[in-house]
Each structure stands twice: as C-alpha cells, then as structure tokens.
Protein backbone atom coordinates (compact mmCIF):
# COMPACT_ATOMS: atom_id res chain seq x y z
CA UNK A 1 14.13 -12.81 -27.03
CA UNK A 2 12.13 -9.77 -25.92
CA UNK A 3 13.09 -6.44 -24.44
CA UNK A 4 14.94 -6.26 -21.13
CA UNK A 5 13.43 -4.17 -18.34
CA UNK A 6 14.30 -3.60 -14.67
CA UNK A 7 11.96 -3.49 -11.69
CA UNK A 8 11.95 -3.69 -7.91
CA UNK A 9 10.00 -6.51 -6.31
CA UNK A 10 10.06 -7.72 -2.72
CA UNK A 11 13.10 -5.62 -1.81
CA UNK A 12 15.20 -7.00 -4.68
CA UNK A 13 15.93 -5.70 -8.20
CA UNK A 14 15.05 -7.89 -11.16
CA UNK A 15 16.10 -7.92 -14.79
CA UNK A 16 13.26 -9.24 -16.89
CA UNK A 17 13.04 -10.36 -20.50
CA UNK A 18 9.53 -9.35 -21.61
CA UNK A 19 9.08 -12.72 -23.33
CA UNK A 20 11.15 -15.15 -21.25
CA UNK A 21 10.62 -13.75 -17.73
CA UNK A 22 13.10 -13.07 -14.92
CA UNK A 23 16.74 -13.20 -16.02
CA UNK A 24 18.44 -12.13 -12.78
CA UNK A 25 17.52 -11.06 -9.25
CA UNK A 26 20.00 -8.94 -7.28
CA UNK A 27 20.41 -6.27 -4.59
CA UNK A 28 19.04 -5.91 -1.06
CA UNK A 29 16.50 -3.40 0.32
CA UNK A 30 15.72 -2.11 -3.18
CA UNK A 31 13.02 0.56 -3.50
CA UNK A 32 13.24 1.09 -7.30
CA UNK A 33 15.31 0.02 -10.29
CA UNK A 34 15.61 1.38 -13.83
CA UNK A 35 17.75 0.85 -16.90
CA UNK A 36 19.96 3.73 -17.97
CA UNK A 37 22.22 2.98 -20.93
CA UNK A 38 24.47 0.04 -20.08
CA UNK A 39 23.73 0.29 -16.36
CA UNK A 40 20.95 -0.41 -13.90
CA UNK A 41 20.33 2.38 -11.38
CA UNK A 42 19.01 1.00 -8.09
CA UNK A 43 17.59 3.20 -5.34
CA UNK A 44 17.66 1.64 -1.88
CA UNK A 45 15.18 2.14 0.95
CA UNK A 46 18.02 3.85 2.89
CA UNK A 47 18.14 6.61 0.26
CA UNK A 48 21.42 5.41 -1.26
CA UNK A 49 21.84 4.74 -4.97
CA UNK A 50 23.76 1.80 -6.43
CA UNK A 51 24.93 1.37 -10.01
CA UNK A 52 25.16 -2.10 -11.59
CA UNK A 53 26.83 -2.60 -14.97
CA UNK A 54 25.87 -5.09 -17.68
CA UNK A 55 28.23 -7.99 -18.41
CA UNK A 56 29.62 -8.47 -21.93
CA UNK A 57 26.61 -10.70 -22.71
CA UNK A 58 24.30 -7.73 -22.18
CA UNK A 59 21.87 -9.99 -20.33
CA UNK A 60 23.10 -9.92 -16.72
CA UNK A 61 24.68 -7.33 -14.44
CA UNK A 62 27.52 -7.21 -11.92
CA UNK A 63 28.22 -4.87 -9.06
CA UNK A 64 27.41 -2.63 -7.50
CA UNK A 65 30.21 -0.76 -9.26
CA UNK A 66 29.31 2.47 -7.42
CA UNK A 67 27.30 3.45 -4.37
CA UNK A 68 26.37 7.04 -3.48
C-alpha cells in the first residue's frame, strides 16, 4: 500500500494509491481536488467548493458533506 493522493481528471475527482492506482472516482465538473486532513476538498468549475469525508476504512470518501 502506497500513499493516497487526490487529483482532478476529466471533470471528476480521483483518490489514488501511489502504488495500486485509482481507488475511487467521484464528483462532477471538478476543477481541482486536494487532501486536507481527513477530508478531500474539491473545487468545481462553477466556483463552488465541496467537502468529502473519508470513511472509517480511510481509503474511500463519502459526500459531499458540505458545499459552499
């Protein structure tokens, strides 16, 4: 198991294990995504921000739990 990173690709957010590859793809119209603590902060092309929270496993996320 490698490190987990977040990125935006093709309008979707992706969680990626640096050794195993894509873990999860989520979101719509995503411009950027970054990890911040136990959350993934997703900026949309509309200018809104969505927050996704990690599940108990620490490997996948659920949400969005907040949208600004």
